[in-house]
Amino acid sequence: MFLLVVCLLVFGSQTLALPLGMEKKTAQKFVAAARETLGVSYVFGGRLRNGGDGIDCQGLVFYAAERIGPCGWKSYSTLPTVSVARAELGRRVPGLDPVSAKNLDLPLLMPGDVIMEVGFMENPAEPAIGKLNGKPVWVWHVGIYSGDGNWINANPFAGRVVEESLADYLADHGIEGIFVTRMRKRPRPTRCRRHRPMFLKPK
């Protein structure tokens, strides 16, 4: 199991400048690529091998990333802490890194934002991504914000890729919070690997 205007977010006496959103055409292409996978079966570790065999949440994000940059999906770390440290899929968004699901202000999100679901359950495979209410949290799921309060994710509960209300998803599944990264132009993996991209069989 394992998104063009500068906004200002105020926390107490501290004001944080939110980074610029993704360039509009790139964001549209990123989201459109994610939508290509709607209805594809959720399979843990799935990478659309042979054009099928399902996809998982990271596979969905990597599939869309391949379509807005020159690097193949194997270029990206599967460990969120490593990917965030390298800014592979954008930089962390101040105030949303992480933020409690109950305190999430949806208008702060932008199409193309990469949204990671975080929780207090420890993932022994890597360190915590950050803290919520002074307690460490780990990443357990990821998707792409598509706008209008919705996100696209390979939903293990639904068993397929869906575009759905982010707020409803967080509430329905008791998610503690989210962690957001935001790209400006395109993904920037440390090592760009060129190989056959993921692909979907024609319907």
N, C-alpha and C. Protein backbone atom coordinates (compact mmCIF):
# COMPACT_ATOMS: atom_id res chain seq x y z
N MET A 1 0.86 -1.16 0.00
CA MET A 1 0.00 0.00 0.00
C MET A 1 0.92 1.24 0.00
N PHE A 2 0.68 0.77 -0.02
CA PHE A 2 1.54 1.74 0.15
C PHE A 2 1.27 1.88 -1.16
N LEU A 3 -1.00 19.42 -7.52
CA LEU A 3 -1.40 19.27 -7.72
C LEU A 3 -0.77 20.64 -7.71
N LEU A 4 -2.07 29.74 -10.24
CA LEU A 4 -0.79 30.12 -10.78
C LEU A 4 -0.46 31.47 -10.20
N VAL A 5 -1.20 31.15 -9.08
CA VAL A 5 -1.01 32.38 -8.34
C VAL A 5 -0.44 32.01 -6.99
N VAL A 6 0.51 32.85 -6.51
CA VAL A 6 1.08 32.56 -5.21
C VAL A 6 0.02 32.79 -4.14
N CYS A 7 -0.23 31.77 -3.32
CA CYS A 7 -1.19 31.88 -2.23
C CYS A 7 -0.43 32.05 -0.92
N LEU A 8 -1.09 32.63 0.05
CA LEU A 8 -0.48 32.78 1.36
C LEU A 8 -1.28 32.01 2.39
N LEU A 9 -0.57 31.27 3.22
CA LEU A 9 -1.20 30.47 4.26
C LEU A 9 -0.66 30.95 5.59
N VAL A 10 -1.55 31.30 6.51
CA VAL A 10 -1.12 31.87 7.79
C VAL A 10 -1.30 30.86 8.91
N PHE A 11 -0.26 30.59 9.65
CA PHE A 11 -0.30 29.73 10.83
C PHE A 11 0.20 30.54 12.00
N GLY A 12 -0.74 30.98 12.87
CA GLY A 12 -0.35 31.80 13.99
C GLY A 12 0.27 33.08 13.47
N SER A 13 1.50 33.34 13.90
CA SER A 13 2.18 34.56 13.48
C SER A 13 3.05 34.33 12.25
N GLN A 14 3.07 33.06 11.76
CA GLN A 14 3.96 32.73 10.65
C GLN A 14 3.18 32.69 9.34
N THR A 15 3.67 33.39 8.33
CA THR A 15 3.05 33.39 7.01
C THR A 15 3.91 32.59 6.06
N LEU A 16 3.30 31.63 5.36
CA LEU A 16 4.04 30.78 4.44
C LEU A 16 3.56 31.01 3.02
N ALA A 17 4.49 31.20 2.11
CA ALA A 17 4.13 31.37 0.70
C ALA A 17 4.03 30.00 0.05
N LEU A 18 2.86 29.71 -0.51
CA LEU A 18 2.70 28.45 -1.20
C LEU A 18 3.36 28.53 -2.58
N PRO A 19 4.02 27.45 -3.02
CA PRO A 19 4.69 27.49 -4.31
C PRO A 19 3.71 27.59 -5.46
N LEU A 20 4.20 28.13 -6.57
CA LEU A 20 3.40 28.22 -7.78
C LEU A 20 2.90 26.84 -8.18
N GLY A 21 1.72 26.79 -8.76
CA GLY A 21 1.20 25.53 -9.23
C GLY A 21 1.86 25.11 -10.54
N MET A 22 1.55 23.92 -10.97
CA MET A 22 2.08 23.41 -12.22
C MET A 22 1.56 24.25 -13.38
N GLU A 23 2.40 24.44 -14.40
CA GLU A 23 1.97 25.16 -15.58
C GLU A 23 0.69 24.52 -16.10
N LYS A 24 -0.28 25.35 -16.52
CA LYS A 24 -1.62 24.86 -16.82
C LYS A 24 -1.64 23.71 -17.82
N LYS A 25 -0.92 23.86 -18.94
CA LYS A 25 -0.94 22.81 -19.96
C LYS A 25 -0.34 21.51 -19.43
N THR A 26 0.72 21.64 -18.62
CA THR A 26 1.35 20.46 -18.06
C THR A 26 0.44 19.79 -17.06
N ALA A 27 -0.23 20.59 -16.22
CA ALA A 27 -1.17 20.04 -15.24
C ALA A 27 -2.30 19.31 -15.94
N GLN A 28 -2.80 19.91 -17.02
CA GLN A 28 -3.89 19.27 -17.77
C GLN A 28 -3.44 17.93 -18.35
N LYS A 29 -2.22 17.90 -18.87
CA LYS A 29 -1.69 16.67 -19.45
C LYS A 29 -1.47 15.62 -18.38
N PHE A 30 -0.97 16.03 -17.21
CA PHE A 30 -0.70 15.12 -16.10
C PHE A 30 -2.01 14.48 -15.62
N VAL A 31 -3.02 15.32 -15.41
CA VAL A 31 -4.32 14.82 -14.95
C VAL A 31 -4.98 13.96 -16.02
N ALA A 32 -4.88 14.40 -17.28
CA ALA A 32 -5.48 13.62 -18.37
C ALA A 32 -4.85 12.24 -18.47
N ALA A 33 -3.53 12.18 -18.26
CA ALA A 33 -2.84 10.88 -18.30
C ALA A 33 -3.35 9.98 -17.19
N ALA A 34 -3.52 10.55 -16.00
CA ALA A 34 -4.05 9.75 -14.89
C ALA A 34 -5.45 9.23 -15.22
N ARG A 35 -6.25 10.06 -15.88
CA ARG A 35 -7.62 9.65 -16.23
C ARG A 35 -7.64 8.50 -17.23
N GLU A 36 -6.58 8.35 -18.01
CA GLU A 36 -6.52 7.24 -18.96
C GLU A 36 -6.64 5.90 -18.25
N THR A 37 -6.26 5.86 -16.99
CA THR A 37 -6.25 4.60 -16.25
C THR A 37 -7.54 4.34 -15.48
N LEU A 38 -8.52 5.24 -15.56
CA LEU A 38 -9.77 5.05 -14.82
C LEU A 38 -10.39 3.69 -15.16
N GLY A 39 -10.76 2.97 -14.12
CA GLY A 39 -11.38 1.66 -14.32
C GLY A 39 -10.41 0.51 -14.33
N VAL A 40 -9.09 0.80 -14.44
CA VAL A 40 -8.09 -0.27 -14.43
C VAL A 40 -8.08 -0.92 -13.05
N SER A 41 -7.95 -2.21 -13.01
CA SER A 41 -7.97 -2.94 -11.74
C SER A 41 -6.80 -2.55 -10.84
N TYR A 42 -7.10 -2.47 -9.53
CA TYR A 42 -6.04 -2.23 -8.55
C TYR A 42 -5.32 -3.55 -8.30
N VAL A 43 -4.00 -3.52 -8.47
CA VAL A 43 -3.16 -4.67 -8.16
C VAL A 43 -1.93 -4.15 -7.45
N PHE A 44 -1.68 -4.63 -6.23
CA PHE A 44 -0.51 -4.18 -5.49
C PHE A 44 0.76 -4.49 -6.27
N GLY A 45 1.58 -3.45 -6.49
CA GLY A 45 2.80 -3.61 -7.28
C GLY A 45 2.55 -3.56 -8.78
N GLY A 46 1.29 -3.34 -9.19
CA GLY A 46 0.95 -3.35 -10.61
C GLY A 46 1.58 -2.21 -11.38
N ARG A 47 2.13 -2.53 -12.54
CA ARG A 47 2.77 -1.54 -13.42
C ARG A 47 2.32 -1.73 -14.87
N LEU A 48 1.09 -2.18 -15.06
CA LEU A 48 0.54 -2.36 -16.41
C LEU A 48 1.45 -3.19 -17.30
N ARG A 49 2.03 -4.22 -16.73
CA ARG A 49 2.90 -5.08 -17.52
C ARG A 49 2.11 -5.70 -18.67
N ASN A 50 2.69 -5.70 -19.84
CA ASN A 50 2.04 -6.21 -21.05
C ASN A 50 0.74 -5.48 -21.37
N GLY A 51 0.65 -4.23 -20.89
CA GLY A 51 -0.53 -3.44 -21.18
C GLY A 51 -1.73 -3.75 -20.31
N GLY A 52 -1.53 -4.60 -19.33
CA GLY A 52 -2.63 -4.98 -18.44
C GLY A 52 -2.10 -5.34 -17.07
N ASP A 53 -2.72 -6.34 -16.46
CA ASP A 53 -2.28 -6.85 -15.16
C ASP A 53 -2.45 -5.87 -14.02
N GLY A 54 -3.17 -4.78 -14.23
CA GLY A 54 -3.49 -3.89 -13.15
C GLY A 54 -2.41 -2.88 -12.79
N ILE A 55 -2.77 -2.03 -11.84
CA ILE A 55 -1.87 -0.95 -11.43
C ILE A 55 -2.13 -0.64 -9.96
N ASP A 56 -1.11 -0.15 -9.26
CA ASP A 56 -1.33 0.27 -7.88
C ASP A 56 -1.21 1.79 -7.79
N CYS A 57 -1.31 2.33 -6.58
CA CYS A 57 -1.36 3.78 -6.43
C CYS A 57 -0.09 4.48 -6.93
N GLN A 58 1.07 3.92 -6.62
CA GLN A 58 2.31 4.52 -7.13
C GLN A 58 2.42 4.34 -8.64
N GLY A 59 1.99 3.19 -9.12
CA GLY A 59 2.03 2.95 -10.55
C GLY A 59 1.23 3.98 -11.32
N LEU A 60 0.08 4.37 -10.78
CA LEU A 60 -0.75 5.40 -11.40
C LEU A 60 0.01 6.71 -11.52
N VAL A 61 0.66 7.14 -10.45
CA VAL A 61 1.41 8.40 -10.46
C VAL A 61 2.60 8.30 -11.43
N PHE A 62 3.29 7.16 -11.42
CA PHE A 62 4.42 6.99 -12.32
C PHE A 62 3.97 6.97 -13.78
N TYR A 63 2.82 6.35 -14.05
CA TYR A 63 2.27 6.32 -15.41
C TYR A 63 2.05 7.75 -15.92
N ALA A 64 1.41 8.58 -15.09
CA ALA A 64 1.15 9.97 -15.48
C ALA A 64 2.46 10.76 -15.62
N ALA A 65 3.44 10.49 -14.72
CA ALA A 65 4.72 11.19 -14.77
C ALA A 65 5.47 10.90 -16.06
N GLU A 66 5.36 9.65 -16.55
CA GLU A 66 6.03 9.30 -17.80
C GLU A 66 5.52 10.14 -18.97
N ARG A 67 4.29 10.60 -18.88
CA ARG A 67 3.68 11.31 -19.99
C ARG A 67 3.90 12.80 -19.98
N ILE A 68 4.56 13.32 -18.94
CA ILE A 68 4.90 14.75 -18.92
C ILE A 68 6.41 14.98 -18.80
N GLY A 69 7.16 13.90 -18.83
CA GLY A 69 8.62 14.02 -18.73
C GLY A 69 9.28 12.93 -19.55
N PRO A 70 10.60 13.02 -19.72
CA PRO A 70 11.31 12.07 -20.58
C PRO A 70 11.72 10.77 -19.89
N CYS A 71 11.49 10.67 -18.59
CA CYS A 71 12.03 9.54 -17.82
C CYS A 71 10.99 8.45 -17.58
N GLY A 72 11.45 7.21 -17.62
CA GLY A 72 10.58 6.07 -17.39
C GLY A 72 10.23 5.90 -15.92
N TRP A 73 9.22 5.08 -15.67
CA TRP A 73 8.73 4.92 -14.30
C TRP A 73 9.76 4.32 -13.36
N LYS A 74 10.72 3.60 -13.88
CA LYS A 74 11.76 3.02 -13.01
C LYS A 74 12.73 4.08 -12.49
N SER A 75 12.59 5.33 -12.95
CA SER A 75 13.45 6.43 -12.49
C SER A 75 13.08 6.90 -11.09
N TYR A 76 11.86 6.58 -10.65
CA TYR A 76 11.35 7.16 -9.41
C TYR A 76 11.45 6.19 -8.24
N SER A 77 11.81 6.73 -7.09
CA SER A 77 11.90 5.91 -5.90
C SER A 77 10.51 5.49 -5.44
N THR A 78 10.39 4.27 -4.98
CA THR A 78 9.13 3.81 -4.43
C THR A 78 9.01 4.18 -2.95
N LEU A 79 10.07 4.75 -2.38
CA LEU A 79 10.03 5.20 -0.99
C LEU A 79 9.67 6.68 -0.96
N PRO A 80 8.51 7.05 -0.43
CA PRO A 80 8.10 8.45 -0.41
C PRO A 80 9.10 9.39 0.24
N THR A 81 9.75 8.96 1.32
CA THR A 81 10.71 9.84 1.98
C THR A 81 11.89 10.17 1.06
N VAL A 82 12.31 9.19 0.27
CA VAL A 82 13.41 9.41 -0.68
C VAL A 82 12.93 10.31 -1.82
N SER A 83 11.76 10.01 -2.37
CA SER A 83 11.23 10.79 -3.47
C SER A 83 11.02 12.25 -3.07
N VAL A 84 10.49 12.49 -1.87
CA VAL A 84 10.27 13.86 -1.39
C VAL A 84 11.60 14.57 -1.17
N ALA A 85 12.57 13.90 -0.57
CA ALA A 85 13.87 14.51 -0.32
C ALA A 85 14.55 14.92 -1.63
N ARG A 86 14.34 14.15 -2.68
CA ARG A 86 14.93 14.45 -3.99
C ARG A 86 14.05 15.37 -4.84
N ALA A 87 12.84 15.68 -4.36
CA ALA A 87 11.86 16.50 -5.10
C ALA A 87 11.58 15.90 -6.47
N GLU A 88 11.50 14.58 -6.54
CA GLU A 88 11.27 13.91 -7.82
C GLU A 88 9.92 14.28 -8.42
N LEU A 89 8.90 14.37 -7.58
CA LEU A 89 7.55 14.67 -8.04
C LEU A 89 7.08 15.99 -7.46
N GLY A 90 7.98 16.94 -7.40
CA GLY A 90 7.67 18.26 -6.88
C GLY A 90 8.18 18.46 -5.46
N ARG A 91 8.05 19.71 -5.04
CA ARG A 91 8.51 20.07 -3.69
C ARG A 91 7.34 20.07 -2.71
N ARG A 92 7.67 19.79 -1.47
CA ARG A 92 6.65 19.77 -0.44
C ARG A 92 6.00 21.14 -0.33
N VAL A 93 4.69 21.15 -0.07
CA VAL A 93 3.94 22.39 0.01
C VAL A 93 3.83 22.82 1.47
N PRO A 94 4.39 23.96 1.86
CA PRO A 94 4.33 24.40 3.25
C PRO A 94 2.90 24.44 3.77
N GLY A 95 2.71 23.89 4.96
CA GLY A 95 1.39 23.85 5.55
C GLY A 95 0.57 22.65 5.14
N LEU A 96 1.05 21.94 4.09
CA LEU A 96 0.38 20.72 3.64
C LEU A 96 1.37 19.57 3.67
N ASP A 97 2.33 19.65 4.62
CA ASP A 97 3.44 18.69 4.61
C ASP A 97 3.81 18.15 6.00
N PRO A 98 2.92 17.49 6.70
CA PRO A 98 1.55 17.14 6.34
C PRO A 98 0.53 18.08 6.97
N VAL A 99 -0.75 17.77 6.70
CA VAL A 99 -1.85 18.50 7.30
C VAL A 99 -2.92 17.49 7.71
N SER A 100 -3.58 17.75 8.83
CA SER A 100 -4.64 16.88 9.30
C SER A 100 -5.80 16.88 8.30
N ALA A 101 -6.40 15.74 8.07
CA ALA A 101 -7.53 15.65 7.16
C ALA A 101 -8.67 16.55 7.62
N LYS A 102 -8.82 16.70 8.93
CA LYS A 102 -9.90 17.53 9.47
C LYS A 102 -9.64 19.02 9.25
N ASN A 103 -8.37 19.41 9.07
CA ASN A 103 -8.02 20.82 8.89
C ASN A 103 -7.69 21.17 7.45
N LEU A 104 -7.90 20.24 6.53
CA LEU A 104 -7.55 20.47 5.14
C LEU A 104 -8.45 21.53 4.51
N ASP A 105 -7.84 22.54 3.91
CA ASP A 105 -8.55 23.59 3.18
C ASP A 105 -8.41 23.28 1.70
N LEU A 106 -9.43 22.66 1.10
CA LEU A 106 -9.34 22.19 -0.28
C LEU A 106 -8.90 23.24 -1.29
N PRO A 107 -9.30 24.53 -1.15
CA PRO A 107 -8.87 25.54 -2.13
C PRO A 107 -7.35 25.74 -2.19
N LEU A 108 -6.62 25.23 -1.21
CA LEU A 108 -5.16 25.34 -1.25
C LEU A 108 -4.54 24.35 -2.23
N LEU A 109 -5.31 23.32 -2.60
CA LEU A 109 -4.80 22.32 -3.53
C LEU A 109 -4.95 22.81 -4.97
N MET A 110 -4.06 22.32 -5.84
CA MET A 110 -4.09 22.71 -7.24
C MET A 110 -4.02 21.47 -8.13
N PRO A 111 -4.71 21.49 -9.29
CA PRO A 111 -4.64 20.34 -10.18
C PRO A 111 -3.19 19.96 -10.49
N GLY A 112 -2.92 18.66 -10.38
CA GLY A 112 -1.56 18.18 -10.60
C GLY A 112 -0.79 17.94 -9.31
N ASP A 113 -1.33 18.41 -8.17
CA ASP A 113 -0.66 18.13 -6.90
C ASP A 113 -0.62 16.63 -6.66
N VAL A 114 0.47 16.15 -6.14
CA VAL A 114 0.59 14.75 -5.75
C VAL A 114 0.21 14.66 -4.27
N ILE A 115 -0.80 13.88 -3.98
CA ILE A 115 -1.33 13.79 -2.62
C ILE A 115 -1.00 12.43 -2.02
N MET A 116 -0.32 12.46 -0.88
CA MET A 116 0.01 11.23 -0.17
C MET A 116 -0.83 11.13 1.10
N GLU A 117 -1.50 10.03 1.27
CA GLU A 117 -2.26 9.76 2.48
C GLU A 117 -1.28 9.33 3.57
N VAL A 118 -1.40 9.94 4.75
CA VAL A 118 -0.50 9.60 5.84
C VAL A 118 -1.28 9.14 7.06
N GLY A 119 -0.65 8.29 7.86
CA GLY A 119 -1.27 7.80 9.08
C GLY A 119 -0.24 7.51 10.14
N PHE A 120 -0.71 7.26 11.34
CA PHE A 120 0.19 7.04 12.48
C PHE A 120 0.76 5.63 12.53
N MET A 121 0.18 4.70 11.77
CA MET A 121 0.71 3.34 11.77
C MET A 121 2.11 3.35 11.13
N GLU A 122 3.05 2.74 11.80
CA GLU A 122 4.45 2.77 11.34
C GLU A 122 4.67 1.85 10.15
N ASN A 123 5.44 2.35 9.20
CA ASN A 123 5.91 1.54 8.08
C ASN A 123 7.38 1.23 8.33
N PRO A 124 7.70 0.01 8.68
CA PRO A 124 9.09 -0.34 9.02
C PRO A 124 10.06 -0.21 7.85
N ALA A 125 9.55 -0.06 6.62
CA ALA A 125 10.41 0.01 5.44
C ALA A 125 11.11 1.36 5.29
N GLU A 126 10.61 2.41 5.98
CA GLU A 126 11.23 3.73 5.84
C GLU A 126 10.88 4.62 7.02
N PRO A 127 11.58 5.76 7.15
CA PRO A 127 11.30 6.69 8.25
C PRO A 127 9.95 7.38 8.06
N ALA A 128 9.50 8.06 9.11
CA ALA A 128 8.28 8.86 9.02
C ALA A 128 8.50 10.00 8.03
N ILE A 129 7.42 10.42 7.35
CA ILE A 129 7.49 11.51 6.38
C ILE A 129 7.39 12.86 7.07
N GLY A 130 6.84 12.89 8.28
CA GLY A 130 6.66 14.14 9.02
C GLY A 130 5.89 13.88 10.29
N LYS A 131 5.32 14.94 10.85
CA LYS A 131 4.57 14.80 12.09
C LYS A 131 3.23 15.51 12.02
N LEU A 132 2.23 14.92 12.67
CA LEU A 132 0.92 15.51 12.84
C LEU A 132 0.65 15.57 14.34
N ASN A 133 0.33 16.76 14.82
CA ASN A 133 0.08 16.92 16.25
C ASN A 133 1.22 16.36 17.10
N GLY A 134 2.43 16.55 16.58
CA GLY A 134 3.63 16.12 17.31
C GLY A 134 3.92 14.64 17.22
N LYS A 135 3.12 13.89 16.47
CA LYS A 135 3.33 12.45 16.34
C LYS A 135 3.75 12.10 14.92
N PRO A 136 4.71 11.18 14.75
CA PRO A 136 5.19 10.83 13.40
C PRO A 136 4.12 10.13 12.58
N VAL A 137 4.16 10.40 11.26
CA VAL A 137 3.23 9.76 10.33
C VAL A 137 4.00 9.17 9.14
N TRP A 138 3.40 8.15 8.57
CA TRP A 138 3.99 7.44 7.43
C TRP A 138 3.02 7.48 6.25
N VAL A 139 3.57 7.38 5.04
CA VAL A 139 2.76 7.38 3.82
C VAL A 139 2.23 5.97 3.54
N TRP A 140 0.92 5.90 3.22
CA TRP A 140 0.31 4.61 2.92
C TRP A 140 -0.43 4.57 1.58
N HIS A 141 -0.61 5.70 0.95
CA HIS A 141 -1.37 5.72 -0.31
C HIS A 141 -1.05 7.03 -1.02
N VAL A 142 -1.23 7.06 -2.35
CA VAL A 142 -0.90 8.26 -3.11
C VAL A 142 -1.83 8.39 -4.31
N GLY A 143 -2.07 9.63 -4.73
CA GLY A 143 -2.89 9.89 -5.90
C GLY A 143 -2.61 11.29 -6.44
N ILE A 144 -3.42 11.73 -7.39
CA ILE A 144 -3.21 13.02 -8.05
C ILE A 144 -4.48 13.86 -7.92
N TYR A 145 -4.32 15.10 -7.45
CA TYR A 145 -5.46 16.00 -7.32
C TYR A 145 -5.87 16.46 -8.72
N SER A 146 -7.16 16.29 -9.05
CA SER A 146 -7.62 16.61 -10.40
C SER A 146 -8.44 17.89 -10.45
N GLY A 147 -8.69 18.52 -9.29
CA GLY A 147 -9.44 19.77 -9.25
C GLY A 147 -10.86 19.55 -8.78
N ASP A 148 -11.53 20.67 -8.39
CA ASP A 148 -12.93 20.63 -7.95
C ASP A 148 -13.16 19.66 -6.80
N GLY A 149 -12.14 19.53 -5.93
CA GLY A 149 -12.29 18.69 -4.75
C GLY A 149 -12.08 17.21 -4.99
N ASN A 150 -11.69 16.84 -6.21
CA ASN A 150 -11.53 15.43 -6.54
C ASN A 150 -10.07 15.02 -6.71
N TRP A 151 -9.85 13.74 -6.55
CA TRP A 151 -8.52 13.19 -6.84
C TRP A 151 -8.68 11.86 -7.56
N ILE A 152 -7.61 11.47 -8.27
CA ILE A 152 -7.58 10.21 -9.00
C ILE A 152 -6.62 9.30 -8.25
N ASN A 153 -7.08 8.09 -7.93
CA ASN A 153 -6.21 7.17 -7.22
C ASN A 153 -6.58 5.74 -7.54
N ALA A 154 -5.60 4.86 -7.49
CA ALA A 154 -5.85 3.43 -7.63
C ALA A 154 -6.33 2.97 -6.26
N ASN A 155 -7.65 2.92 -6.11
CA ASN A 155 -8.28 2.75 -4.81
C ASN A 155 -8.39 1.27 -4.44
N PRO A 156 -7.65 0.83 -3.42
CA PRO A 156 -7.72 -0.59 -3.05
C PRO A 156 -9.07 -1.00 -2.50
N PHE A 157 -9.82 -0.04 -1.94
CA PHE A 157 -11.15 -0.35 -1.42
C PHE A 157 -12.14 -0.59 -2.56
N ALA A 158 -12.02 0.20 -3.63
CA ALA A 158 -12.90 0.04 -4.79
C ALA A 158 -12.39 -1.05 -5.72
N GLY A 159 -11.10 -1.36 -5.61
CA GLY A 159 -10.51 -2.39 -6.46
C GLY A 159 -10.18 -1.93 -7.86
N ARG A 160 -10.14 -0.60 -8.07
CA ARG A 160 -9.86 -0.06 -9.41
C ARG A 160 -9.46 1.40 -9.29
N VAL A 161 -9.00 1.98 -10.39
CA VAL A 161 -8.67 3.41 -10.42
C VAL A 161 -9.97 4.20 -10.53
N VAL A 162 -10.11 5.19 -9.65
CA VAL A 162 -11.33 6.00 -9.63
C VAL A 162 -10.96 7.47 -9.49
N GLU A 163 -11.89 8.34 -9.90
CA GLU A 163 -11.80 9.77 -9.64
C GLU A 163 -12.96 10.08 -8.70
N GLU A 164 -12.64 10.57 -7.52
CA GLU A 164 -13.65 10.70 -6.48
C GLU A 164 -13.36 11.89 -5.59
N SER A 165 -14.31 12.21 -4.73
CA SER A 165 -14.15 13.31 -3.78
C SER A 165 -13.03 12.99 -2.79
N LEU A 166 -12.05 13.88 -2.70
CA LEU A 166 -10.96 13.68 -1.76
C LEU A 166 -11.48 13.72 -0.32
N ALA A 167 -12.31 14.72 -0.01
CA ALA A 167 -12.83 14.86 1.35
C ALA A 167 -13.62 13.63 1.78
N ASP A 168 -14.45 13.12 0.86
CA ASP A 168 -15.23 11.93 1.19
C ASP A 168 -14.33 10.72 1.42
N TYR A 169 -13.31 10.57 0.58
CA TYR A 169 -12.38 9.45 0.74
C TYR A 169 -11.71 9.51 2.11
N LEU A 170 -11.21 10.69 2.48
CA LEU A 170 -10.51 10.83 3.75
C LEU A 170 -11.44 10.51 4.93
N ALA A 171 -12.68 11.02 4.85
CA ALA A 171 -13.64 10.79 5.93
C ALA A 171 -14.10 9.34 6.00
N ASP A 172 -14.42 8.78 4.83
CA ASP A 172 -14.95 7.41 4.80
C ASP A 172 -13.97 6.38 5.32
N HIS A 173 -12.67 6.65 5.14
CA HIS A 173 -11.66 5.66 5.53
C HIS A 173 -10.86 6.06 6.76
N GLY A 174 -11.30 7.11 7.44
CA GLY A 174 -10.65 7.51 8.68
C GLY A 174 -9.18 7.89 8.51
N ILE A 175 -8.86 8.56 7.42
CA ILE A 175 -7.47 8.93 7.13
C ILE A 175 -7.05 10.10 8.02
N GLU A 176 -5.88 9.97 8.66
CA GLU A 176 -5.43 11.01 9.59
C GLU A 176 -5.02 12.31 8.89
N GLY A 177 -4.36 12.20 7.73
CA GLY A 177 -3.92 13.43 7.07
C GLY A 177 -3.35 13.16 5.70
N ILE A 178 -2.88 14.24 5.05
CA ILE A 178 -2.24 14.12 3.74
C ILE A 178 -0.95 14.93 3.73
N PHE A 179 -0.09 14.57 2.80
CA PHE A 179 1.18 15.25 2.56
C PHE A 179 1.21 15.57 1.08
N VAL A 180 1.48 16.83 0.71
CA VAL A 180 1.35 17.26 -0.68
C VAL A 180 2.68 17.74 -1.26
N THR A 181 2.97 17.29 -2.48
CA THR A 181 4.09 17.85 -3.24
C THR A 181 3.54 18.46 -4.52
N ARG A 182 4.25 19.47 -5.03
CA ARG A 182 3.77 20.24 -6.18
C ARG A 182 4.90 20.48 -7.16
N MET A 183 4.69 20.07 -8.41
CA MET A 183 5.67 20.32 -9.46
C MET A 183 5.35 21.64 -10.15
N ARG A 184 6.38 22.26 -10.74
CA ARG A 184 6.17 23.47 -11.53
C ARG A 184 6.12 23.15 -13.02
N LYS A 185 7.08 22.37 -13.49
CA LYS A 185 7.15 22.07 -14.92
C LYS A 185 6.99 20.58 -15.20
N ARG A 186 7.81 19.77 -14.58
CA ARG A 186 7.74 18.34 -14.85
C ARG A 186 8.47 17.59 -13.74
N PRO A 187 8.32 16.27 -13.68
CA PRO A 187 9.05 15.49 -12.68
C PRO A 187 10.56 15.60 -12.89
N ARG A 188 11.30 15.46 -11.80
CA ARG A 188 12.75 15.58 -11.89
C ARG A 188 13.44 14.49 -11.07
N PRO A 189 13.41 13.25 -11.57
CA PRO A 189 14.12 12.19 -10.85
C PRO A 189 15.62 12.40 -10.88
N THR A 190 16.30 11.92 -9.86
CA THR A 190 17.76 12.07 -9.78
C THR A 190 18.44 11.33 -10.92
N ARG A 191 17.94 10.17 -11.23
CA ARG A 191 18.50 9.36 -12.30
C ARG A 191 17.41 9.09 -13.32
N CYS A 192 17.57 9.59 -14.53
CA CYS A 192 16.56 9.41 -15.57
C CYS A 192 16.84 8.13 -16.35
N ARG A 193 15.95 7.18 -16.22
CA ARG A 193 16.12 5.90 -16.91
C ARG A 193 15.18 5.85 -18.12
N ARG A 194 15.72 5.48 -19.26
CA ARG A 194 14.93 5.38 -20.49
C ARG A 194 14.63 3.90 -20.74
N HIS A 195 13.38 3.57 -20.79
CA HIS A 195 12.96 2.19 -21.03
C HIS A 195 11.54 2.20 -21.55
N ARG A 196 11.03 1.05 -21.87
CA ARG A 196 9.67 0.95 -22.39
C ARG A 196 8.70 1.49 -21.34
N PRO A 197 7.86 2.42 -21.71
CA PRO A 197 6.90 2.99 -20.74
C PRO A 197 5.75 2.05 -20.46
N MET A 198 5.05 2.29 -19.38
CA MET A 198 3.81 1.58 -19.13
C MET A 198 2.81 1.93 -20.23
N PHE A 199 1.96 1.00 -20.56
CA PHE A 199 0.97 1.30 -21.59
C PHE A 199 -0.30 0.51 -21.31
N LEU A 200 -1.39 0.99 -21.87
CA LEU A 200 -2.68 0.36 -21.72
C LEU A 200 -3.06 -0.32 -23.02
N LYS A 201 -3.61 -1.52 -22.91
CA LYS A 201 -4.12 -2.18 -24.11
C LYS A 201 -5.34 -1.40 -24.61
N PRO A 202 -5.50 -1.28 -25.92
CA PRO A 202 -6.68 -0.61 -26.47
C PRO A 202 -7.95 -1.30 -26.01
N LYS A 203 -8.96 -0.51 -25.68
CA LYS A 203 -10.22 -1.09 -25.22
C LYS A 203 -11.06 -1.56 -26.41
